[in-house]
Amino acid sequence: MVTRTNIVCSSSNLHRIPKLDISIRVANISGNFIKYLEKDSFIGMMKLRQLNLRGNGIRDVHPMAFDDLVQLEQLDFRNNTLANLQSRLWSSTINLENLDISHNRLLVVPPGVFSHKLQLLNVSFNRISVLTKFDFKGATELLSLDVSNNPLTVLQNGAFDSLVSLEYLNM
């Protein structure tokens, strides 16, 4: 029996996430026309480690869409039209190490995104104007943070205090 662990569905004119084999570890679903991630978009995908959703025009994500992505380590969410990501979305992504949500329409740093393993966060080219002392709470393993090209007007005292492992900051 042959099982595939990687799948490429980029630029395939998709309007929703296709039903994928549960053994998939790497999925490239970039460059499509997916506007919404549904609750069951990744159901059973417990082995998925890398997910590329770049450039789909995604506007909204069901708060339980990532519930089965317990092994997810890398998520490329850049070049979409996301304005808000609920904290509930990240509750199961406990192994997430690399998150790129640059080039979206986010107004705030997504709450609850910080697993104990998150090492790289890119929120550049969004619409974030304020960084508070709570935005990076729990980000003790974060090594690299890019908040550049946001219209930052307020940087609250202590905003980076919890970033004890930070090696690279781009503002």
N, C-alpha and C. Protein backbone atom coordinates (compact mmCIF):
# COMPACT_ATOMS: atom_id res chain seq x y z
N MET A 1 0.84 -1.18 0.00
CA MET A 1 0.00 0.00 0.00
C MET A 1 0.88 1.25 0.00
N VAL A 2 0.59 2.16 -0.88
CA VAL A 2 1.33 3.41 -0.98
C VAL A 2 0.49 4.52 -0.32
N THR A 3 1.12 5.23 0.59
CA THR A 3 0.43 6.38 1.18
C THR A 3 1.24 7.62 0.89
N ARG A 4 0.55 8.68 0.54
CA ARG A 4 1.21 9.96 0.29
C ARG A 4 1.19 10.76 1.57
N THR A 5 2.30 11.43 1.83
CA THR A 5 2.34 12.27 3.02
C THR A 5 2.33 13.75 2.65
N ASN A 6 2.54 14.07 1.38
CA ASN A 6 2.52 15.46 0.91
C ASN A 6 1.46 15.60 -0.16
N ILE A 7 0.79 16.76 -0.15
CA ILE A 7 -0.18 17.03 -1.20
C ILE A 7 -0.04 18.48 -1.64
N VAL A 8 -0.12 18.69 -2.94
CA VAL A 8 -0.06 20.04 -3.49
C VAL A 8 -1.36 20.29 -4.27
N CYS A 9 -2.11 21.26 -3.79
CA CYS A 9 -3.35 21.68 -4.45
C CYS A 9 -3.29 23.17 -4.75
N SER A 10 -2.09 23.68 -4.99
CA SER A 10 -1.95 25.12 -5.21
C SER A 10 -2.46 25.49 -6.60
N SER A 11 -3.04 26.69 -6.66
CA SER A 11 -3.57 27.23 -7.92
C SER A 11 -4.45 26.22 -8.64
N SER A 12 -5.37 25.63 -7.91
CA SER A 12 -6.26 24.60 -8.46
C SER A 12 -7.71 25.06 -8.56
N ASN A 13 -7.93 26.37 -8.45
CA ASN A 13 -9.27 26.95 -8.54
C ASN A 13 -10.24 26.38 -7.50
N LEU A 14 -9.72 26.03 -6.33
CA LEU A 14 -10.56 25.49 -5.26
C LEU A 14 -11.32 26.63 -4.56
N HIS A 15 -12.54 26.33 -4.13
CA HIS A 15 -13.34 27.29 -3.37
C HIS A 15 -13.56 26.83 -1.94
N ARG A 16 -13.12 25.63 -1.63
CA ARG A 16 -13.14 25.12 -0.26
C ARG A 16 -12.01 24.10 -0.10
N ILE A 17 -11.68 23.80 1.12
CA ILE A 17 -10.62 22.83 1.40
C ILE A 17 -11.09 21.46 0.93
N PRO A 18 -10.30 20.77 0.11
CA PRO A 18 -10.71 19.44 -0.34
C PRO A 18 -10.59 18.42 0.78
N LYS A 19 -11.31 17.34 0.68
CA LYS A 19 -11.20 16.25 1.65
C LYS A 19 -9.83 15.60 1.44
N LEU A 20 -9.00 15.61 2.48
CA LEU A 20 -7.64 15.09 2.39
C LEU A 20 -7.49 13.81 3.19
N ASP A 21 -6.59 12.96 2.75
CA ASP A 21 -6.28 11.73 3.47
C ASP A 21 -5.71 12.08 4.85
N ILE A 22 -6.09 11.35 5.86
CA ILE A 22 -5.66 11.67 7.22
C ILE A 22 -4.17 11.41 7.46
N SER A 23 -3.50 10.76 6.52
CA SER A 23 -2.06 10.51 6.68
C SER A 23 -1.19 11.66 6.15
N ILE A 24 -1.81 12.67 5.54
CA ILE A 24 -1.08 13.81 4.99
C ILE A 24 -0.34 14.56 6.10
N ARG A 25 0.94 14.84 5.84
CA ARG A 25 1.75 15.59 6.80
C ARG A 25 2.06 17.01 6.32
N VAL A 26 2.08 17.20 4.99
CA VAL A 26 2.38 18.51 4.41
C VAL A 26 1.31 18.81 3.36
N ALA A 27 0.64 19.96 3.49
CA ALA A 27 -0.40 20.33 2.53
C ALA A 27 -0.18 21.74 2.03
N ASN A 28 -0.09 21.89 0.72
CA ASN A 28 0.03 23.19 0.08
C ASN A 28 -1.29 23.45 -0.65
N ILE A 29 -2.10 24.34 -0.09
CA ILE A 29 -3.40 24.66 -0.66
C ILE A 29 -3.42 26.16 -0.97
N SER A 30 -2.31 26.68 -1.45
CA SER A 30 -2.16 28.12 -1.70
C SER A 30 -2.71 28.51 -3.06
N GLY A 31 -2.98 29.82 -3.19
CA GLY A 31 -3.35 30.39 -4.49
C GLY A 31 -4.67 29.93 -5.04
N ASN A 32 -5.64 29.70 -4.19
CA ASN A 32 -6.97 29.29 -4.63
C ASN A 32 -7.97 30.40 -4.32
N PHE A 33 -9.23 30.06 -4.24
CA PHE A 33 -10.29 31.04 -4.01
C PHE A 33 -11.11 30.67 -2.78
N ILE A 34 -10.44 30.23 -1.75
CA ILE A 34 -11.09 29.80 -0.52
C ILE A 34 -11.31 31.02 0.37
N LYS A 35 -12.54 31.36 0.64
CA LYS A 35 -12.87 32.56 1.42
C LYS A 35 -13.11 32.27 2.90
N TYR A 36 -13.46 31.02 3.21
CA TYR A 36 -13.86 30.67 4.58
C TYR A 36 -13.34 29.27 4.91
N LEU A 37 -12.76 29.13 6.09
CA LEU A 37 -12.38 27.81 6.58
C LEU A 37 -13.48 27.32 7.50
N GLU A 38 -14.07 26.21 7.14
CA GLU A 38 -15.20 25.67 7.88
C GLU A 38 -14.74 24.85 9.08
N LYS A 39 -15.67 24.54 9.94
CA LYS A 39 -15.39 23.75 11.14
C LYS A 39 -14.73 22.42 10.80
N ASP A 40 -15.17 21.80 9.74
CA ASP A 40 -14.66 20.46 9.38
C ASP A 40 -13.60 20.50 8.26
N SER A 41 -13.01 21.66 8.01
CA SER A 41 -12.03 21.77 6.93
C SER A 41 -10.85 20.82 7.09
N PHE A 42 -10.44 20.58 8.33
CA PHE A 42 -9.26 19.74 8.56
C PHE A 42 -9.56 18.59 9.52
N ILE A 43 -10.78 18.12 9.52
CA ILE A 43 -11.19 17.07 10.44
C ILE A 43 -10.38 15.79 10.20
N GLY A 44 -9.88 15.23 11.28
CA GLY A 44 -9.10 13.99 11.21
C GLY A 44 -7.65 14.17 10.79
N MET A 45 -7.22 15.40 10.55
CA MET A 45 -5.87 15.66 10.03
C MET A 45 -4.84 15.79 11.17
N MET A 46 -4.84 14.84 12.06
CA MET A 46 -4.00 14.90 13.25
C MET A 46 -2.51 14.74 12.98
N LYS A 47 -2.15 14.29 11.78
CA LYS A 47 -0.73 14.13 11.44
C LYS A 47 -0.16 15.31 10.66
N LEU A 48 -1.02 16.24 10.29
CA LEU A 48 -0.59 17.39 9.48
C LEU A 48 0.40 18.25 10.27
N ARG A 49 1.57 18.49 9.67
CA ARG A 49 2.62 19.27 10.33
C ARG A 49 2.86 20.63 9.66
N GLN A 50 2.67 20.70 8.34
CA GLN A 50 2.89 21.94 7.60
C GLN A 50 1.66 22.22 6.74
N LEU A 51 1.16 23.45 6.84
CA LEU A 51 -0.02 23.84 6.09
C LEU A 51 0.21 25.20 5.44
N ASN A 52 0.08 25.25 4.12
CA ASN A 52 0.24 26.49 3.38
C ASN A 52 -1.12 26.90 2.83
N LEU A 53 -1.65 28.00 3.36
CA LEU A 53 -2.92 28.56 2.91
C LEU A 53 -2.72 29.96 2.31
N ARG A 54 -1.54 30.23 1.86
CA ARG A 54 -1.15 31.54 1.34
C ARG A 54 -1.97 31.94 0.11
N GLY A 55 -2.38 33.20 0.10
CA GLY A 55 -2.97 33.78 -1.10
C GLY A 55 -4.28 33.19 -1.56
N ASN A 56 -5.17 32.88 -0.62
CA ASN A 56 -6.48 32.34 -0.98
C ASN A 56 -7.60 33.37 -0.88
N GLY A 57 -7.32 34.50 -0.26
CA GLY A 57 -8.38 35.47 -0.03
C GLY A 57 -9.26 35.08 1.15
N ILE A 58 -8.73 34.28 2.06
CA ILE A 58 -9.50 33.84 3.23
C ILE A 58 -9.87 35.05 4.08
N ARG A 59 -11.18 35.18 4.34
CA ARG A 59 -11.70 36.29 5.13
C ARG A 59 -12.04 35.90 6.55
N ASP A 60 -12.43 34.63 6.72
CA ASP A 60 -12.93 34.19 8.02
C ASP A 60 -12.58 32.73 8.26
N VAL A 61 -12.43 32.40 9.54
CA VAL A 61 -12.07 31.05 9.94
C VAL A 61 -12.98 30.63 11.09
N HIS A 62 -13.63 29.49 10.95
CA HIS A 62 -14.45 28.98 12.04
C HIS A 62 -13.54 28.74 13.25
N PRO A 63 -13.95 29.11 14.46
CA PRO A 63 -13.08 28.99 15.63
C PRO A 63 -12.64 27.56 15.95
N MET A 64 -13.30 26.56 15.37
CA MET A 64 -12.91 25.17 15.62
C MET A 64 -12.25 24.52 14.40
N ALA A 65 -11.91 25.30 13.40
CA ALA A 65 -11.35 24.76 12.16
C ALA A 65 -10.03 24.01 12.37
N PHE A 66 -9.25 24.42 13.37
CA PHE A 66 -7.94 23.81 13.58
C PHE A 66 -7.93 22.80 14.74
N ASP A 67 -9.09 22.40 15.22
CA ASP A 67 -9.16 21.54 16.41
C ASP A 67 -8.38 20.23 16.27
N ASP A 68 -8.33 19.65 15.09
CA ASP A 68 -7.62 18.38 14.92
C ASP A 68 -6.14 18.55 14.56
N LEU A 69 -5.67 19.77 14.42
CA LEU A 69 -4.29 20.01 13.97
C LEU A 69 -3.31 20.04 15.15
N VAL A 70 -3.31 18.96 15.92
CA VAL A 70 -2.50 18.89 17.14
C VAL A 70 -1.01 18.75 16.86
N GLN A 71 -0.63 18.31 15.67
CA GLN A 71 0.78 18.17 15.31
C GLN A 71 1.29 19.31 14.44
N LEU A 72 0.42 20.27 14.11
CA LEU A 72 0.80 21.36 13.21
C LEU A 72 1.97 22.15 13.77
N GLU A 73 3.02 22.28 12.96
CA GLU A 73 4.23 23.02 13.35
C GLU A 73 4.39 24.32 12.57
N GLN A 74 3.96 24.33 11.30
CA GLN A 74 4.13 25.50 10.45
C GLN A 74 2.81 25.84 9.75
N LEU A 75 2.44 27.12 9.85
CA LEU A 75 1.23 27.58 9.18
C LEU A 75 1.55 28.86 8.42
N ASP A 76 1.37 28.81 7.11
CA ASP A 76 1.55 29.98 6.25
C ASP A 76 0.17 30.50 5.87
N PHE A 77 -0.20 31.62 6.49
CA PHE A 77 -1.52 32.22 6.33
C PHE A 77 -1.42 33.58 5.66
N ARG A 78 -0.26 33.87 5.04
CA ARG A 78 -0.04 35.22 4.51
C ARG A 78 -0.83 35.46 3.23
N ASN A 79 -0.95 36.73 2.93
CA ASN A 79 -1.64 37.18 1.71
C ASN A 79 -3.08 36.69 1.62
N ASN A 80 -3.81 36.90 2.71
CA ASN A 80 -5.24 36.65 2.71
C ASN A 80 -5.93 37.96 3.10
N THR A 81 -7.17 37.91 3.51
CA THR A 81 -7.88 39.13 3.89
C THR A 81 -8.44 39.02 5.31
N LEU A 82 -7.71 38.34 6.17
CA LEU A 82 -8.14 38.14 7.56
C LEU A 82 -8.09 39.44 8.35
N ALA A 83 -9.18 39.75 9.04
CA ALA A 83 -9.22 40.93 9.89
C ALA A 83 -9.26 40.55 11.36
N ASN A 84 -9.70 39.33 11.65
CA ASN A 84 -9.85 38.89 13.03
C ASN A 84 -9.64 37.38 13.12
N LEU A 85 -8.90 36.96 14.12
CA LEU A 85 -8.72 35.53 14.41
C LEU A 85 -9.03 35.32 15.88
N GLN A 86 -10.00 34.49 16.17
CA GLN A 86 -10.42 34.27 17.55
C GLN A 86 -9.41 33.42 18.31
N SER A 87 -9.30 33.68 19.61
CA SER A 87 -8.34 32.95 20.44
C SER A 87 -8.64 31.46 20.48
N ARG A 88 -9.89 31.07 20.39
CA ARG A 88 -10.29 29.65 20.40
C ARG A 88 -9.64 28.87 19.26
N LEU A 89 -9.33 29.55 18.18
CA LEU A 89 -8.75 28.92 17.00
C LEU A 89 -7.46 28.19 17.31
N TRP A 90 -6.67 28.71 18.25
CA TRP A 90 -5.34 28.19 18.50
C TRP A 90 -5.27 27.18 19.65
N SER A 91 -6.39 26.81 20.24
CA SER A 91 -6.37 25.99 21.44
C SER A 91 -5.78 24.60 21.23
N SER A 92 -5.84 24.05 20.04
CA SER A 92 -5.30 22.70 19.79
C SER A 92 -3.94 22.69 19.11
N THR A 93 -3.51 23.84 18.61
CA THR A 93 -2.25 23.89 17.87
C THR A 93 -1.07 24.05 18.84
N ILE A 94 -0.94 23.09 19.73
CA ILE A 94 0.05 23.18 20.81
C ILE A 94 1.48 22.98 20.33
N ASN A 95 1.67 22.49 19.13
CA ASN A 95 3.01 22.28 18.59
C ASN A 95 3.42 23.32 17.56
N LEU A 96 2.60 24.35 17.39
CA LEU A 96 2.89 25.38 16.39
C LEU A 96 4.18 26.13 16.72
N GLU A 97 5.12 26.11 15.76
CA GLU A 97 6.41 26.76 15.94
C GLU A 97 6.59 27.98 15.04
N ASN A 98 5.95 27.96 13.88
CA ASN A 98 6.16 28.99 12.87
C ASN A 98 4.81 29.44 12.33
N LEU A 99 4.47 30.72 12.53
CA LEU A 99 3.20 31.25 12.06
C LEU A 99 3.44 32.53 11.27
N ASP A 100 3.05 32.51 10.01
CA ASP A 100 3.17 33.69 9.15
C ASP A 100 1.76 34.14 8.78
N ILE A 101 1.34 35.25 9.36
CA ILE A 101 0.04 35.84 9.02
C ILE A 101 0.23 37.27 8.52
N SER A 102 1.34 37.46 7.83
CA SER A 102 1.63 38.77 7.25
C SER A 102 0.71 39.03 6.05
N HIS A 103 0.65 40.30 5.68
CA HIS A 103 -0.13 40.71 4.50
C HIS A 103 -1.61 40.30 4.62
N ASN A 104 -2.19 40.66 5.76
CA ASN A 104 -3.62 40.47 5.98
C ASN A 104 -4.20 41.81 6.40
N ARG A 105 -5.31 41.80 7.11
CA ARG A 105 -5.96 43.04 7.56
C ARG A 105 -6.16 43.04 9.07
N LEU A 106 -5.29 42.34 9.79
CA LEU A 106 -5.44 42.22 11.23
C LEU A 106 -5.25 43.57 11.91
N LEU A 107 -6.11 43.86 12.88
CA LEU A 107 -6.04 45.09 13.65
C LEU A 107 -5.29 44.90 14.96
N VAL A 108 -5.21 43.65 15.42
CA VAL A 108 -4.52 43.33 16.67
C VAL A 108 -3.72 42.05 16.48
N VAL A 109 -2.74 41.83 17.35
CA VAL A 109 -2.04 40.55 17.37
C VAL A 109 -3.07 39.50 17.78
N PRO A 110 -3.18 38.41 17.03
CA PRO A 110 -4.20 37.41 17.35
C PRO A 110 -4.07 36.90 18.78
N PRO A 111 -5.14 37.02 19.57
CA PRO A 111 -5.08 36.56 20.95
C PRO A 111 -4.98 35.04 21.05
N GLY A 112 -4.24 34.57 22.04
CA GLY A 112 -4.17 33.14 22.31
C GLY A 112 -3.31 32.34 21.35
N VAL A 113 -2.57 33.01 20.48
CA VAL A 113 -1.80 32.31 19.46
C VAL A 113 -0.57 31.61 20.03
N PHE A 114 -0.17 32.00 21.22
CA PHE A 114 1.13 31.54 21.70
C PHE A 114 1.09 30.21 22.41
N SER A 115 1.50 29.18 21.69
CA SER A 115 1.76 27.91 22.33
C SER A 115 3.13 28.07 22.99
N HIS A 116 3.47 27.14 23.81
CA HIS A 116 4.78 27.22 24.46
C HIS A 116 5.91 26.98 23.46
N LYS A 117 5.57 26.53 22.26
CA LYS A 117 6.60 26.20 21.27
C LYS A 117 6.77 27.23 20.16
N LEU A 118 5.88 28.22 20.07
CA LEU A 118 5.96 29.18 18.98
C LEU A 118 7.30 29.91 19.01
N GLN A 119 8.02 29.82 17.88
CA GLN A 119 9.36 30.41 17.79
C GLN A 119 9.42 31.56 16.80
N LEU A 120 8.58 31.55 15.78
CA LEU A 120 8.60 32.58 14.75
C LEU A 120 7.19 33.08 14.51
N LEU A 121 7.00 34.39 14.61
CA LEU A 121 5.71 35.01 14.33
C LEU A 121 5.93 36.20 13.42
N ASN A 122 5.23 36.19 12.28
CA ASN A 122 5.29 37.30 11.34
C ASN A 122 3.89 37.87 11.19
N VAL A 123 3.71 39.09 11.69
CA VAL A 123 2.44 39.81 11.54
C VAL A 123 2.66 41.12 10.78
N SER A 124 3.70 41.16 9.97
CA SER A 124 4.01 42.37 9.19
C SER A 124 2.93 42.63 8.15
N PHE A 125 2.89 43.88 7.68
CA PHE A 125 1.95 44.29 6.64
C PHE A 125 0.50 43.97 7.00
N ASN A 126 0.11 44.35 8.21
CA ASN A 126 -1.27 44.27 8.65
C ASN A 126 -1.73 45.67 9.00
N ARG A 127 -2.71 45.79 9.85
CA ARG A 127 -3.24 47.11 10.24
C ARG A 127 -3.16 47.30 11.76
N ILE A 128 -2.16 46.70 12.37
CA ILE A 128 -1.99 46.77 13.82
C ILE A 128 -1.44 48.14 14.20
N SER A 129 -2.17 48.84 15.07
CA SER A 129 -1.74 50.18 15.47
C SER A 129 -1.28 50.25 16.93
N VAL A 130 -1.64 49.24 17.72
CA VAL A 130 -1.31 49.24 19.15
C VAL A 130 -0.73 47.88 19.54
N LEU A 131 0.37 47.92 20.29
CA LEU A 131 0.93 46.71 20.91
C LEU A 131 0.85 46.90 22.41
N THR A 132 0.13 46.00 23.08
CA THR A 132 -0.05 46.11 24.53
C THR A 132 0.86 45.14 25.27
N LYS A 133 0.91 45.28 26.57
CA LYS A 133 1.74 44.39 27.38
C LYS A 133 1.15 42.98 27.46
N PHE A 134 -0.06 42.79 26.94
CA PHE A 134 -0.70 41.48 26.96
C PHE A 134 -0.59 40.74 25.62
N ASP A 135 -0.21 41.43 24.56
CA ASP A 135 -0.21 40.84 23.22
C ASP A 135 0.72 39.63 23.09
N PHE A 136 1.82 39.62 23.79
CA PHE A 136 2.79 38.54 23.63
C PHE A 136 2.92 37.69 24.90
N LYS A 137 1.93 37.79 25.76
CA LYS A 137 1.93 37.00 26.99
C LYS A 137 1.97 35.51 26.65
N GLY A 138 2.86 34.79 27.27
CA GLY A 138 3.00 33.36 27.02
C GLY A 138 3.96 33.02 25.89
N ALA A 139 4.55 34.03 25.28
CA ALA A 139 5.44 33.81 24.13
C ALA A 139 6.88 33.62 24.59
N THR A 140 7.08 32.79 25.57
CA THR A 140 8.41 32.64 26.17
C THR A 140 9.44 31.98 25.27
N GLU A 141 9.00 31.26 24.25
CA GLU A 141 9.94 30.59 23.33
C GLU A 141 10.12 31.34 22.02
N LEU A 142 9.43 32.46 21.86
CA LEU A 142 9.49 33.21 20.60
C LEU A 142 10.91 33.73 20.36
N LEU A 143 11.48 33.34 19.22
CA LEU A 143 12.84 33.75 18.84
C LEU A 143 12.83 34.91 17.85
N SER A 144 11.80 34.95 16.99
CA SER A 144 11.76 35.94 15.91
C SER A 144 10.35 36.53 15.82
N LEU A 145 10.30 37.87 15.81
CA LEU A 145 9.03 38.58 15.71
C LEU A 145 9.16 39.68 14.67
N ASP A 146 8.24 39.69 13.72
CA ASP A 146 8.20 40.74 12.70
C ASP A 146 6.86 41.45 12.78
N VAL A 147 6.89 42.71 13.21
CA VAL A 147 5.70 43.54 13.27
C VAL A 147 5.85 44.76 12.34
N SER A 148 6.78 44.68 11.41
CA SER A 148 7.08 45.81 10.53
C SER A 148 5.91 46.10 9.59
N ASN A 149 5.93 47.31 9.07
CA ASN A 149 4.93 47.76 8.09
C ASN A 149 3.50 47.65 8.59
N ASN A 150 3.34 47.97 9.86
CA ASN A 150 2.03 48.16 10.48
C ASN A 150 1.96 49.63 10.88
N PRO A 151 0.78 50.21 10.94
CA PRO A 151 0.68 51.62 11.33
C PRO A 151 0.74 51.80 12.86
N LEU A 152 1.80 51.30 13.48
CA LEU A 152 1.93 51.36 14.94
C LEU A 152 1.98 52.80 15.44
N THR A 153 1.07 53.11 16.35
CA THR A 153 1.05 54.43 16.96
C THR A 153 1.26 54.36 18.47
N VAL A 154 0.97 53.19 19.06
CA VAL A 154 1.13 53.02 20.50
C VAL A 154 1.91 51.73 20.78
N LEU A 155 2.98 51.89 21.53
CA LEU A 155 3.76 50.75 22.01
C LEU A 155 3.75 50.85 23.53
N GLN A 156 2.89 50.05 24.13
CA GLN A 156 2.70 50.13 25.57
C GLN A 156 3.95 49.66 26.32
N ASN A 157 4.26 50.31 27.45
CA ASN A 157 5.37 49.87 28.30
C ASN A 157 5.19 48.40 28.65
N GLY A 158 6.25 47.63 28.51
CA GLY A 158 6.20 46.21 28.85
C GLY A 158 5.68 45.32 27.74
N ALA A 159 5.46 45.89 26.55
CA ALA A 159 4.89 45.10 25.45
C ALA A 159 5.74 43.88 25.10
N PHE A 160 7.05 43.99 25.27
CA PHE A 160 7.93 42.89 24.91
C PHE A 160 8.53 42.17 26.11
N ASP A 161 8.06 42.47 27.31
CA ASP A 161 8.65 41.91 28.53
C ASP A 161 8.63 40.39 28.60
N SER A 162 7.61 39.75 28.07
CA SER A 162 7.53 38.28 28.16
C SER A 162 8.34 37.58 27.08
N LEU A 163 8.94 38.34 26.17
CA LEU A 163 9.72 37.75 25.08
C LEU A 163 11.16 37.48 25.52
N VAL A 164 11.31 36.61 26.48
CA VAL A 164 12.61 36.37 27.11
C VAL A 164 13.60 35.63 26.20
N SER A 165 13.13 34.97 25.16
CA SER A 165 14.01 34.23 24.25
C SER A 165 14.22 34.95 22.92
N LEU A 166 13.62 36.13 22.76
CA LEU A 166 13.65 36.83 21.48
C LEU A 166 15.08 37.17 21.03
N GLU A 167 15.39 36.79 19.79
CA GLU A 167 16.69 37.08 19.19
C GLU A 167 16.58 38.09 18.05
N TYR A 168 15.39 38.17 17.43
CA TYR A 168 15.23 39.03 16.26
C TYR A 168 13.88 39.76 16.37
N LEU A 169 13.93 41.08 16.24
CA LEU A 169 12.71 41.90 16.25
C LEU A 169 12.79 42.87 15.07
N ASN A 170 11.78 42.84 14.22
CA ASN A 170 11.71 43.78 13.10
C ASN A 170 10.47 44.63 13.29
N MET A 171 10.72 45.95 13.49
CA MET A 171 9.62 46.89 13.66
C MET A 171 9.61 47.85 12.50
